[in-house]
């Protein structure tokens, strides 16, 4: 179980964090050889409910900010306990960001150890705040960390959003790659996206790779990074 009571945060946010019962699982993101790990994505695992249910509950209560803070502080604690040398990828709500005093406490608590080791994934949710994104972007880039767009190809995370956000990484949603090895239209679509993103020096992650044939096809198309049950499940 992740604990927050020792963190240098305001008493009100500490009280809210103390109500959470969460752990973290980590799923590797691989390079094209299927063996070398580029990063680990931290995945929240609440006690007694799914993360989707927890997010829906906190959205209804207008408390998503609590989950945003919990994700950053909780995932980083779990990551350092695991002792991974690779980067850690942390999910972040597109409608929220840590307040300045929380961000200052985060950098103070974890220090230079996080420089160059984090990827901040902007999740696919209905509301996007450019103001919050710009604040996250400034802070993340100042620490030589990376920014990513998650679930590209569904909802609001599209080419226009990528243009606005100017990330280092784009993660293609499973919907774009499921069955790609035997669907020429999907192959052509992904090939065009790879050309588009590579022309902007953006790395592309294929998410939800569940079959060997999908993985081999995506490698042949020039994908940069890969994540999914075929390679490794969250653990």
Foldseek 3Di string as FASTA:
>chain_A
DFADCVFPDDPVLNVVLRVWAKAWWWFFKFFLVLPHTQEIETDICTPPDGVVVVCVVCVVVVNVQSVQLCQLVRSVVNCVVVVDPHAYETEHEQVDDDDPVSLVSSCVVCPLVNQARYEYEHEADADHDLVRLVVVVVSQVVSVHFYEYEQEPDHPRYPVVCVSNVTQEYEHHQVLQVVVLPDVVSLVVVLVVCVVQVVSNHAYEYEAPDDPSSSVSCVVSPHTIYTHVNSPDID
